[in-house]
PDB file of N, CA and C in Angstrom:
ATOM      1  N   UNK A   1     182.820  65.425 131.627  1.00  0.00           N
ATOM      2  CA  UNK A   1     181.617  65.541 130.837  1.00  0.00           C
ATOM      3  C   UNK A   1     180.383  65.289 131.695  1.00  0.00           C
ATOM      4  N   UNK A   2     180.478  64.350 132.649  1.00  0.00           N
ATOM      5  CA  UNK A   2     179.337  64.031 133.501  1.00  0.00           C
ATOM      6  C   UNK A   2     178.992  65.218 134.405  1.00  0.00           C
ATOM      7  N   UNK A   3     180.039  65.911 134.893  1.00  0.00           N
ATOM      8  CA  UNK A   3     179.791  67.077 135.731  1.00  0.00           C
ATOM      9  C   UNK A   3     179.055  68.156 134.941  1.00  0.00           C
ATOM     10  N   UNK A   4     179.417  68.274 133.704  1.00  0.00           N
ATOM     11  CA  UNK A   4     178.794  69.282 132.849  1.00  0.00           C
ATOM     12  C   UNK A   4     177.303  68.988 132.644  1.00  0.00           C
ATOM     13  N   UNK A   5     176.944  67.726 132.432  1.00  0.00           N
ATOM     14  CA  UNK A   5     175.545  67.353 132.249  1.00  0.00           C
ATOM     15  C   UNK A   5     174.739  67.571 133.529  1.00  0.00           C
ATOM     16  N   UNK A   6     175.354  67.255 134.658  1.00  0.00           N
ATOM     17  CA  UNK A   6     174.671  67.448 135.929  1.00  0.00           C
ATOM     18  C   UNK A   6     174.423  68.932 136.163  1.00  0.00           C
ATOM     19  N   UNK A   7     175.396  69.755 135.874  1.00  0.00           N
ATOM     20  CA  UNK A   7     175.240  71.200 136.052  1.00  0.00           C
ATOM     21  C   UNK A   7     174.178  71.743 135.108  1.00  0.00           C
ATOM     22  N   UNK A   8     174.173  71.281 133.874  1.00  0.00           N
ATOM     23  CA  UNK A   8     173.174  71.732 132.905  1.00  0.00           C
ATOM     24  C   UNK A   8     171.785  71.263 133.316  1.00  0.00           C
ATOM     25  N   UNK A   9     171.682  70.020 133.809  1.00  0.00           N
ATOM     26  CA  UNK A   9     170.406  69.485 134.263  1.00  0.00           C
ATOM     27  C   UNK A   9     169.872  70.285 135.457  1.00  0.00           C
ATOM     28  N   UNK A  10     170.762  70.607 136.388  1.00  0.00           N
ATOM     29  CA  UNK A  10     170.375  71.368 137.568  1.00  0.00           C
ATOM     30  C   UNK A  10     169.894  72.764 137.175  1.00  0.00           C
ATOM     31  N   UNK A  11     170.624  73.393 136.243  1.00  0.00           N
ATOM     32  CA  UNK A  11     170.247  74.723 135.765  1.00  0.00           C
ATOM     33  C   UNK A  11     168.900  74.669 135.052  1.00  0.00           C
ATOM     34  N   UNK A  12     168.682  73.613 134.290  1.00  0.00           N
ATOM     35  CA  UNK A  12     167.423  73.465 133.550  1.00  0.00           C
ATOM     36  C   UNK A  12     166.248  73.311 134.512  1.00  0.00           C
ATOM     37  N   UNK A  13     166.416  72.510 135.568  1.00  0.00           N
ATOM     38  CA  UNK A  13     165.351  72.340 136.550  1.00  0.00           C
ATOM     39  C   UNK A  13     165.068  73.646 137.287  1.00  0.00           C
ATOM     40  N   UNK A  14     166.129  74.355 137.656  1.00  0.00           N
ATOM     41  CA  UNK A  14     165.965  75.642 138.325  1.00  0.00           C
ATOM     42  C   UNK A  14     165.256  76.622 137.407  1.00  0.00           C
ATOM     43  N   UNK A  15     165.637  76.617 136.158  1.00  0.00           N
ATOM     44  CA  UNK A  15     165.036  77.521 135.188  1.00  0.00           C
ATOM     45  C   UNK A  15     163.555  77.198 134.986  1.00  0.00           C
ATOM     46  N   UNK A  16     163.214  75.912 134.905  1.00  0.00           N
ATOM     47  CA  UNK A  16     161.818  75.522 134.738  1.00  0.00           C
ATOM     48  C   UNK A  16     160.995  75.874 135.966  1.00  0.00           C
ATOM     49  N   UNK A  17     161.566  75.684 137.147  1.00  0.00           N
ATOM     50  CA  UNK A  17     160.861  76.050 138.373  1.00  0.00           C
ATOM     51  C   UNK A  17     160.630  77.554 138.427  1.00  0.00           C
ATOM     52  N   UNK A  18     161.628  78.304 138.004  1.00  0.00           N
ATOM     53  CA  UNK A  18     161.494  79.754 137.988  1.00  0.00           C
ATOM     54  C   UNK A  18     160.427  80.191 136.991  1.00  0.00           C
ATOM     55  N   UNK A  19     160.394  79.554 135.839  1.00  0.00           N
ATOM     56  CA  UNK A  19     159.374  79.879 134.838  1.00  0.00           C
ATOM     57  C   UNK A  19     157.975  79.526 135.337  1.00  0.00           C
ATOM     58  N   UNK A  20     157.848  78.390 136.000  1.00  0.00           N
ATOM     59  CA  UNK A  20     156.550  78.005 136.571  1.00  0.00           C
ATOM     60  C   UNK A  20     156.091  79.010 137.620  1.00  0.00           C
ATOM     61  N   UNK A  21     157.024  79.456 138.430  1.00  0.00           N
ATOM     62  CA  UNK A  21     156.693  80.428 139.464  1.00  0.00           C
ATOM     63  C   UNK A  21     156.269  81.755 138.837  1.00  0.00           C
ATOM     64  N   UNK A  22     156.977  82.180 137.802  1.00  0.00           N
ATOM     65  CA  UNK A  22     156.617  83.422 137.122  1.00  0.00           C
ATOM     66  C   UNK A  22     155.265  83.302 136.435  1.00  0.00           C
ATOM     67  N   UNK A  23     154.984  82.147 135.853  1.00  0.00           N
ATOM     68  CA  UNK A  23     153.695  81.933 135.199  1.00  0.00           C
ATOM     69  C   UNK A  23     152.551  81.973 136.216  1.00  0.00           C
ATOM     70  N   UNK A  24     152.742  81.346 137.358  1.00  0.00           N
ATOM     71  CA  UNK A  24     151.712  81.368 138.397  1.00  0.00           C
ATOM     72  C   UNK A  24     151.483  82.790 138.906  1.00  0.00           C
ATOM     73  N   UNK A  25     152.554  83.542 139.045  1.00  0.00           N
ATOM     74  CA  UNK A  25     152.449  84.931 139.489  1.00  0.00           C
ATOM     75  C   UNK A  25     151.704  85.776 138.458  1.00  0.00           C
ATOM     76  N   UNK A  26     151.987  85.554 137.192  1.00  0.00           N
ATOM     77  CA  UNK A  26     151.308  86.294 136.126  1.00  0.00           C
ATOM     78  C   UNK A  26     149.827  85.940 136.065  1.00  0.00           C
ATOM     79  N   UNK A  27     149.502  84.678 136.260  1.00  0.00           N
ATOM     80  CA  UNK A  27     148.087  84.271 136.262  1.00  0.00           C
ATOM     81  C   UNK A  27     147.335  84.920 137.420  1.00  0.00           C
ATOM     82  N   UNK A  28     147.958  84.937 138.592  1.00  0.00           N
ATOM     83  CA  UNK A  28     147.314  85.555 139.746  1.00  0.00           C
ATOM     84  C   UNK A  28     147.134  87.053 139.530  1.00  0.00           C
ATOM     85  N   UNK A  29     148.134  87.671 138.951  1.00  0.00           N
ATOM     86  CA  UNK A  29     148.091  89.103 138.682  1.00  0.00           C
ATOM     87  C   UNK A  29     146.975  89.434 137.702  1.00  0.00           C
ATOM     88  N   UNK A  30     146.855  88.659 136.638  1.00  0.00           N
ATOM     89  CA  UNK A  30     145.806  88.925 135.650  1.00  0.00           C
ATOM     90  C   UNK A  30     144.424  88.610 136.214  1.00  0.00           C
ATOM     91  N   UNK A  31     144.324  87.590 137.068  1.00  0.00           N
ATOM     92  CA  UNK A  31     143.038  87.260 137.676  1.00  0.00           C
ATOM     93  C   UNK A  31     142.564  88.399 138.583  1.00  0.00           C
ATOM     94  N   UNK A  32     143.483  88.965 139.339  1.00  0.00           N
ATOM     95  CA  UNK A  32     143.132  90.104 140.190  1.00  0.00           C
ATOM     96  C   UNK A  32     142.644  91.273 139.340  1.00  0.00           C
ATOM     97  N   UNK A  33     143.284  91.493 138.197  1.00  0.00           N
ATOM     98  CA  UNK A  33     142.871  92.563 137.300  1.00  0.00           C
ATOM     99  C   UNK A  33     141.491  92.330 136.728  1.00  0.00           C
ATOM    100  N   UNK A  34     141.208  91.100 136.348  1.00  0.00           N
ATOM    101  CA  UNK A  34     139.887  90.767 135.796  1.00  0.00           C
ATOM    102  C   UNK A  34     138.806  90.976 136.842  1.00  0.00           C
ATOM    103  N   UNK A  35     139.043  90.532 138.053  1.00  0.00           N
ATOM    104  CA  UNK A  35     138.035  90.678 139.105  1.00  0.00           C
ATOM    105  C   UNK A  35     137.794  92.154 139.451  1.00  0.00           C
ATOM    106  N   UNK A  36     138.856  92.912 139.560  1.00  0.00           N
ATOM    107  CA  UNK A  36     138.694  94.342 139.870  1.00  0.00           C
ATOM    108  C   UNK A  36     137.992  95.064 138.723  1.00  0.00           C
ATOM    109  N   UNK A  37     138.333  94.712 137.490  1.00  0.00           N
ATOM    110  CA  UNK A  37     137.687  95.325 136.337  1.00  0.00           C
ATOM    111  C   UNK A  37     136.211  94.989 136.258  1.00  0.00           C
ATOM    112  N   UNK A  38     135.861  93.757 136.570  1.00  0.00           N
ATOM    113  CA  UNK A  38     134.460  93.351 136.539  1.00  0.00           C
ATOM    114  C   UNK A  38     133.649  94.095 137.600  1.00  0.00           C
ATOM    115  N   UNK A  39     134.224  94.242 138.785  1.00  0.00           N
ATOM    116  CA  UNK A  39     133.530  94.986 139.844  1.00  0.00           C
ATOM    117  C   UNK A  39     133.322  96.435 139.431  1.00  0.00           C
ATOM    118  N   UNK A  40     134.342  97.040 138.844  1.00  0.00           N
ATOM    119  CA  UNK A  40     134.224  98.430 138.407  1.00  0.00           C
ATOM    120  C   UNK A  40     133.194  98.567 137.289  1.00  0.00           C
ATOM    121  N   UNK A  41     133.142  97.590 136.393  1.00  0.00           N
ATOM    122  CA  UNK A  41     132.175  97.636 135.300  1.00  0.00           C
ATOM    123  C   UNK A  41     130.743  97.549 135.824  1.00  0.00           C
ATOM    124  N   UNK A  42     130.516  96.732 136.827  1.00  0.00           N
ATOM    125  CA  UNK A  42     129.179  96.612 137.412  1.00  0.00           C
ATOM    126  C   UNK A  42     128.766  97.931 138.054  1.00  0.00           C
ATOM    127  N   UNK A  43     129.659  98.525 138.822  1.00  0.00           N
ATOM    128  CA  UNK A  43     129.352  99.797 139.479  1.00  0.00           C
ATOM    129  C   UNK A  43     129.106 100.892 138.440  1.00  0.00           C
ATOM    130  N   UNK A  44     129.961 100.938 137.415  1.00  0.00           N
ATOM    131  CA  UNK A  44     129.800 101.956 136.376  1.00  0.00           C
ATOM    132  C   UNK A  44     128.507 101.755 135.590  1.00  0.00           C
ATOM    133  N   UNK A  45     128.131 100.506 135.342  1.00  0.00           N
ATOM    134  CA  UNK A  45     126.882 100.232 134.629  1.00  0.00           C
ATOM    135  C   UNK A  45     125.682 100.730 135.419  1.00  0.00           C
ATOM    136  N   UNK A  46     125.664 100.434 136.691  1.00  0.00           N
ATOM    137  CA  UNK A  46     124.532 100.864 137.530  1.00  0.00           C
ATOM    138  C   UNK A  46     124.465 102.385 137.605  1.00  0.00           C
ATOM    139  N   UNK A  47     125.598 103.025 137.846  1.00  0.00           N
ATOM    140  CA  UNK A  47     125.616 104.490 137.960  1.00  0.00           C
ATOM    141  C   UNK A  47     125.216 105.155 136.647  1.00  0.00           C
ATOM    142  N   UNK A  48     125.721 104.637 135.543  1.00  0.00           N
ATOM    143  CA  UNK A  48     125.406 105.230 134.241  1.00  0.00           C
ATOM    144  C   UNK A  48     123.966 104.962 133.846  1.00  0.00           C
ATOM    145  N   UNK A  49     123.478 103.774 134.125  1.00  0.00           N
ATOM    146  CA  UNK A  49     122.091 103.452 133.773  1.00  0.00           C
ATOM    147  C   UNK A  49     121.118 104.344 134.522  1.00  0.00           C
ATOM    148  N   UNK A  50     121.361 104.545 135.798  1.00  0.00           N
ATOM    149  CA  UNK A  50     120.465 105.391 136.588  1.00  0.00           C
ATOM    150  C   UNK A  50     120.455 106.816 136.045  1.00  0.00           C
ATOM    151  N   UNK A  51     121.653 107.364 135.822  1.00  0.00           N
ATOM    152  CA  UNK A  51     121.710 108.750 135.352  1.00  0.00           C
ATOM    153  C   UNK A  51     121.187 108.902 133.925  1.00  0.00           C
ATOM    154  N   UNK A  52     121.444 107.937 133.048  1.00  0.00           N
ATOM    155  CA  UNK A  52     120.961 108.020 131.671  1.00  0.00           C
ATOM    156  C   UNK A  52     119.445 107.905 131.624  1.00  0.00           C
ATOM    157  N   UNK A  53     118.895 106.951 132.323  1.00  0.00           N
ATOM    158  CA  UNK A  53     117.446 106.776 132.305  1.00  0.00           C
ATOM    159  C   UNK A  53     116.729 107.950 132.980  1.00  0.00           C
ATOM    160  N   UNK A  54     117.325 108.498 134.030  1.00  0.00           N
ATOM    161  CA  UNK A  54     116.727 109.670 134.677  1.00  0.00           C
ATOM    162  C   UNK A  54     116.767 110.876 133.738  1.00  0.00           C
ATOM    163  N   UNK A  55     117.864 111.026 132.994  1.00  0.00           N
ATOM    164  CA  UNK A  55     117.972 112.138 132.045  1.00  0.00           C
ATOM    165  C   UNK A  55     116.927 112.031 130.952  1.00  0.00           C
ATOM    166  N   UNK A  56     116.702 110.833 130.454  1.00  0.00           N
ATOM    167  CA  UNK A  56     115.716 110.640 129.393  1.00  0.00           C
ATOM    168  C   UNK A  56     114.309 110.943 129.898  1.00  0.00           C
ATOM    169  N   UNK A  57     114.044 110.642 131.143  1.00  0.00           N
ATOM    170  CA  UNK A  57     112.720 110.926 131.715  1.00  0.00           C
ATOM    171  C   UNK A  57     112.510 112.419 131.965  1.00  0.00           C
ATOM    172  N   UNK A  58     113.569 113.133 132.390  1.00  0.00           N
ATOM    173  CA  UNK A  58     113.402 114.504 132.863  1.00  0.00           C
ATOM    174  C   UNK A  58     113.739 115.580 131.839  1.00  0.00           C
ATOM    175  N   UNK A  59     114.686 115.328 130.962  1.00  0.00           N
ATOM    176  CA  UNK A  59     115.134 116.367 130.033  1.00  0.00           C
ATOM    177  C   UNK A  59     114.453 116.199 128.672  1.00  0.00           C
ATOM    178  N   UNK A  60     113.832 117.235 128.176  1.00  0.00           N
ATOM    179  CA  UNK A  60     113.142 117.130 126.881  1.00  0.00           C
ATOM    180  C   UNK A  60     114.095 116.813 125.719  1.00  0.00           C
ATOM    181  N   UNK A  61     115.311 117.386 125.745  1.00  0.00           N
ATOM    182  CA  UNK A  61     116.254 117.109 124.666  1.00  0.00           C
ATOM    183  C   UNK A  61     116.636 115.634 124.649  1.00  0.00           C
ATOM    184  N   UNK A  62     116.954 115.092 125.801  1.00  0.00           N
ATOM    185  CA  UNK A  62     117.347 113.687 125.882  1.00  0.00           C
ATOM    186  C   UNK A  62     116.195 112.778 125.482  1.00  0.00           C
ATOM    187  N   UNK A  63     114.994 113.144 125.877  1.00  0.00           N
ATOM    188  CA  UNK A  63     113.822 112.341 125.524  1.00  0.00           C
ATOM    189  C   UNK A  63     113.618 112.320 124.015  1.00  0.00           C
ATOM    190  N   UNK A  64     113.885 113.437 123.358  1.00  0.00           N
ATOM    191  CA  UNK A  64     113.681 113.533 121.914  1.00  0.00           C
ATOM    192  C   UNK A  64     114.822 112.901 121.124  1.00  0.00           C
ATOM    193  N   UNK A  65     116.034 112.916 121.649  1.00  0.00           N
ATOM    194  CA  UNK A  65     117.197 112.523 120.848  1.00  0.00           C
ATOM    195  C   UNK A  65     117.862 111.211 121.241  1.00  0.00           C
ATOM    196  N   UNK A  66     117.600 110.682 122.408  1.00  0.00           N
ATOM    197  CA  UNK A  66     118.262 109.444 122.835  1.00  0.00           C
ATOM    198  C   UNK A  66     117.267 108.285 122.809  1.00  0.00           C
ATOM    199  N   UNK A  67     117.318 107.511 121.749  1.00  0.00           N
ATOM    200  CA  UNK A  67     116.451 106.332 121.695  1.00  0.00           C
ATOM    201  C   UNK A  67     117.074 105.203 122.522  1.00  0.00           C
ATOM    202  N   UNK A  68     116.452 104.046 122.509  1.00  0.00           N
ATOM    203  CA  UNK A  68     116.930 102.921 123.338  1.00  0.00           C
ATOM    204  C   UNK A  68     118.339 102.477 122.944  1.00  0.00           C
ATOM    205  N   UNK A  69     118.634 102.512 121.653  1.00  0.00           N
ATOM    206  CA  UNK A  69     119.973 102.112 121.208  1.00  0.00           C
ATOM    207  C   UNK A  69     121.030 103.084 121.722  1.00  0.00           C
ATOM    208  N   UNK A  70     120.748 104.356 121.673  1.00  0.00           N
ATOM    209  CA  UNK A  70     121.705 105.348 122.161  1.00  0.00           C
ATOM    210  C   UNK A  70     121.930 105.197 123.664  1.00  0.00           C
ATOM    211  N   UNK A  71     120.867 104.943 124.392  1.00  0.00           N
ATOM    212  CA  UNK A  71     121.002 104.749 125.837  1.00  0.00           C
ATOM    213  C   UNK A  71     121.855 103.520 126.140  1.00  0.00           C
ATOM    214  N   UNK A  72     121.611 102.436 125.428  1.00  0.00           N
ATOM    215  CA  UNK A  72     122.393 101.216 125.638  1.00  0.00           C
ATOM    216  C   UNK A  72     123.855 101.433 125.263  1.00  0.00           C
ATOM    217  N   UNK A  73     124.091 102.209 124.196  1.00  0.00           N
ATOM    218  CA  UNK A  73     125.459 102.490 123.777  1.00  0.00           C
ATOM    219  C   UNK A  73     126.200 103.316 124.825  1.00  0.00           C
ATOM    220  N   UNK A  74     125.549 104.290 125.400  1.00  0.00           N
ATOM    221  CA  UNK A  74     126.173 105.102 126.450  1.00  0.00           C
ATOM    222  C   UNK A  74     126.536 104.230 127.648  1.00  0.00           C
ATOM    223  N   UNK A  75     125.604 103.410 128.080  1.00  0.00           N
ATOM    224  CA  UNK A  75     125.827 102.572 129.264  1.00  0.00           C
ATOM    225  C   UNK A  75     126.932 101.550 129.023  1.00  0.00           C
ATOM    226  N   UNK A  76     126.898 100.881 127.880  1.00  0.00           N
ATOM    227  CA  UNK A  76     127.900  99.841 127.615  1.00  0.00           C
ATOM    228  C   UNK A  76     129.285 100.428 127.374  1.00  0.00           C
ATOM    229  N   UNK A  77     129.356 101.619 126.792  1.00  0.00           N
ATOM    230  CA  UNK A  77     130.656 102.255 126.579  1.00  0.00           C
ATOM    231  C   UNK A  77     131.315 102.604 127.909  1.00  0.00           C
ATOM    232  N   UNK A  78     130.541 103.141 128.819  1.00  0.00           N
ATOM    233  CA  UNK A  78     131.084 103.486 130.141  1.00  0.00           C
ATOM    234  C   UNK A  78     131.511 102.220 130.886  1.00  0.00           C
ATOM    235  N   UNK A  79     130.715 101.168 130.789  1.00  0.00           N
ATOM    236  CA  UNK A  79     131.065  99.916 131.474  1.00  0.00           C
ATOM    237  C   UNK A  79     132.355  99.321 130.903  1.00  0.00           C
ATOM    238  N   UNK A  80     132.470  99.313 129.592  1.00  0.00           N
ATOM    239  CA  UNK A  80     133.693  98.786 128.967  1.00  0.00           C
ATOM    240  C   UNK A  80     134.916  99.603 129.316  1.00  0.00           C
ATOM    241  N   UNK A  81     134.775 100.916 129.293  1.00  0.00           N
ATOM    242  CA  UNK A  81     135.902 101.774 129.647  1.00  0.00           C
ATOM    243  C   UNK A  81     136.322 101.555 131.102  1.00  0.00           C
ATOM    244  N   UNK A  82     135.349 101.466 131.991  1.00  0.00           N
ATOM    245  CA  UNK A  82     135.671 101.238 133.408  1.00  0.00           C
ATOM    246  C   UNK A  82     136.393  99.911 133.594  1.00  0.00           C
ATOM    247  N   UNK A  83     135.917  98.874 132.902  1.00  0.00           N
ATOM    248  CA  UNK A  83     136.555  97.559 133.022  1.00  0.00           C
ATOM    249  C   UNK A  83     138.019  97.627 132.615  1.00  0.00           C
ATOM    250  N   UNK A  84     138.287  98.158 131.425  1.00  0.00           N
ATOM    251  CA  UNK A  84     139.658  98.142 130.921  1.00  0.00           C
ATOM    252  C   UNK A  84     140.581  99.062 131.698  1.00  0.00           C
ATOM    253  N   UNK A  85     140.084 100.197 132.141  1.00  0.00           N
ATOM    254  CA  UNK A  85     140.937 101.110 132.908  1.00  0.00           C
ATOM    255  C   UNK A  85     141.310 100.495 134.248  1.00  0.00           C
ATOM    256  N   UNK A  86     140.323  99.967 134.961  1.00  0.00           N
ATOM    257  CA  UNK A  86     140.603  99.406 136.293  1.00  0.00           C
ATOM    258  C   UNK A  86     141.423  98.117 136.182  1.00  0.00           C
ATOM    259  N   UNK A  87     141.106  97.273 135.217  1.00  0.00           N
ATOM    260  CA  UNK A  87     141.882  96.034 135.049  1.00  0.00           C
ATOM    261  C   UNK A  87     143.338  96.345 134.730  1.00  0.00           C
ATOM    262  N   UNK A  88     143.567  97.304 133.844  1.00  0.00           N
ATOM    263  CA  UNK A  88     144.934  97.669 133.479  1.00  0.00           C
ATOM    264  C   UNK A  88     145.691  98.237 134.671  1.00  0.00           C
ATOM    265  N   UNK A  89     145.057  99.135 135.413  1.00  0.00           N
ATOM    266  CA  UNK A  89     145.724  99.714 136.585  1.00  0.00           C
ATOM    267  C   UNK A  89     146.017  98.657 137.646  1.00  0.00           C
ATOM    268  N   UNK A  90     145.100  97.713 137.819  1.00  0.00           N
ATOM    269  CA  UNK A  90     145.304  96.667 138.822  1.00  0.00           C
ATOM    270  C   UNK A  90     146.447  95.738 138.424  1.00  0.00           C
ATOM    271  N   UNK A  91     146.478  95.348 137.163  1.00  0.00           N
ATOM    272  CA  UNK A  91     147.562  94.469 136.699  1.00  0.00           C
ATOM    273  C   UNK A  91     148.907  95.174 136.845  1.00  0.00           C
ATOM    274  N   UNK A  92     148.972  96.426 136.439  1.00  0.00           N
ATOM    275  CA  UNK A  92     150.237  97.162 136.556  1.00  0.00           C
ATOM    276  C   UNK A  92     150.656  97.339 138.010  1.00  0.00           C
ATOM    277  N   UNK A  93     149.711  97.659 138.880  1.00  0.00           N
ATOM    278  CA  UNK A  93     150.047  97.834 140.300  1.00  0.00           C
ATOM    279  C   UNK A  93     150.520  96.523 140.924  1.00  0.00           C
ATOM    280  N   UNK A  94     149.864  95.432 140.578  1.00  0.00           N
ATOM    281  CA  UNK A  94     150.268  94.126 141.119  1.00  0.00           C
ATOM    282  C   UNK A  94     151.640  93.727 140.591  1.00  0.00           C
ATOM    283  N   UNK A  95     151.877  93.964 139.318  1.00  0.00           N
ATOM    284  CA  UNK A  95     153.185  93.632 138.744  1.00  0.00           C
ATOM    285  C   UNK A  95     154.280  94.486 139.370  1.00  0.00           C
ATOM    286  N   UNK A  96     153.988  95.748 139.581  1.00  0.00           N
ATOM    287  CA  UNK A  96     154.975  96.636 140.207  1.00  0.00           C
ATOM    288  C   UNK A  96     155.273  96.177 141.633  1.00  0.00           C
ATOM    289  N   UNK A  97     154.228  95.823 142.373  1.00  0.00           N
ATOM    290  CA  UNK A  97     154.409  95.364 143.750  1.00  0.00           C
ATOM    291  C   UNK A  97     155.241  94.078 143.779  1.00  0.00           C
ATOM    292  N   UNK A  98     154.974  93.172 142.855  1.00  0.00           N
ATOM    293  CA  UNK A  98     155.695  91.899 142.835  1.00  0.00           C
ATOM    294  C   UNK A  98     157.113  92.039 142.314  1.00  0.00           C
ATOM    295  N   UNK A  99     157.388  93.078 141.537  1.00  0.00           N
ATOM    296  CA  UNK A  99     158.747  93.222 141.015  1.00  0.00           C
ATOM    297  C   UNK A  99     159.701  93.747 142.079  1.00  0.00           C
ATOM    298  N   UNK A 100     159.179  94.455 143.085  1.00  0.00           N
ATOM    299  CA  UNK A 100     160.039  94.982 144.135  1.00  0.00           C
ATOM    300  C   UNK A 100     160.270  94.003 145.271  1.00  0.00           C
ATOM    301  N   UNK A 101     159.334  93.123 145.509  1.00  0.00           N
ATOM    302  CA  UNK A 101     159.511  92.152 146.593  1.00  0.00           C
ATOM    303  C   UNK A 101     159.632  90.760 145.990  1.00  0.00           C
ATOM    304  N   UNK A 102     160.698  90.047 146.330  1.00  0.00           N
ATOM    305  CA  UNK A 102     160.836  88.697 145.782  1.00  0.00           C
ATOM    306  C   UNK A 102     159.755  87.775 146.334  1.00  0.00           C
ATOM    307  N   UNK A 103     159.233  86.871 145.496  1.00  0.00           N
ATOM    308  CA  UNK A 103     158.175  85.967 145.967  1.00  0.00           C
ATOM    309  C   UNK A 103     158.706  85.031 147.044  1.00  0.00           C
ATOM    310  N   UNK A 104     157.846  84.724 147.997  1.00  0.00           N
ATOM    311  CA  UNK A 104     158.249  83.837 149.089  1.00  0.00           C
ATOM    312  C   UNK A 104     158.069  82.392 148.657  1.00  0.00           C
ATOM    313  N   UNK A 105     158.935  81.526 149.162  1.00  0.00           N
ATOM    314  CA  UNK A 105     158.843  80.098 148.846  1.00  0.00           C
ATOM    315  C   UNK A 105     158.097  79.402 149.962  1.00  0.00           C
ATOM    316  N   UNK A 106     156.908  78.839 149.662  1.00  0.00           N
ATOM    317  CA  UNK A 106     156.153  78.147 150.721  1.00  0.00           C
ATOM    318  C   UNK A 106     156.775  76.848 151.126  1.00  0.00           C
TER     319      UNK A 106
END
């Protein structure tokens, strides 16, 4: 009976260590996705803002039909889409990379 408890205890510790390692890997993976998504959102916001504001200044149709709310909606929609697309792709790529190579033990 004592051998059985020792084996179960050892398995439990190994299992907890493995879960901790997987949790740390998942946190790092999601953090990388958040950072990449934020960078993409900033770039998309700047690019969209420049083109939207230039269009409103130069095109008569845009000047007549795109008020400030519409311009803000266009810019924020592009920024949100860029964030979620890049974050999702980064998380998936990181998870795929980590699933093929076993994590190293420091």
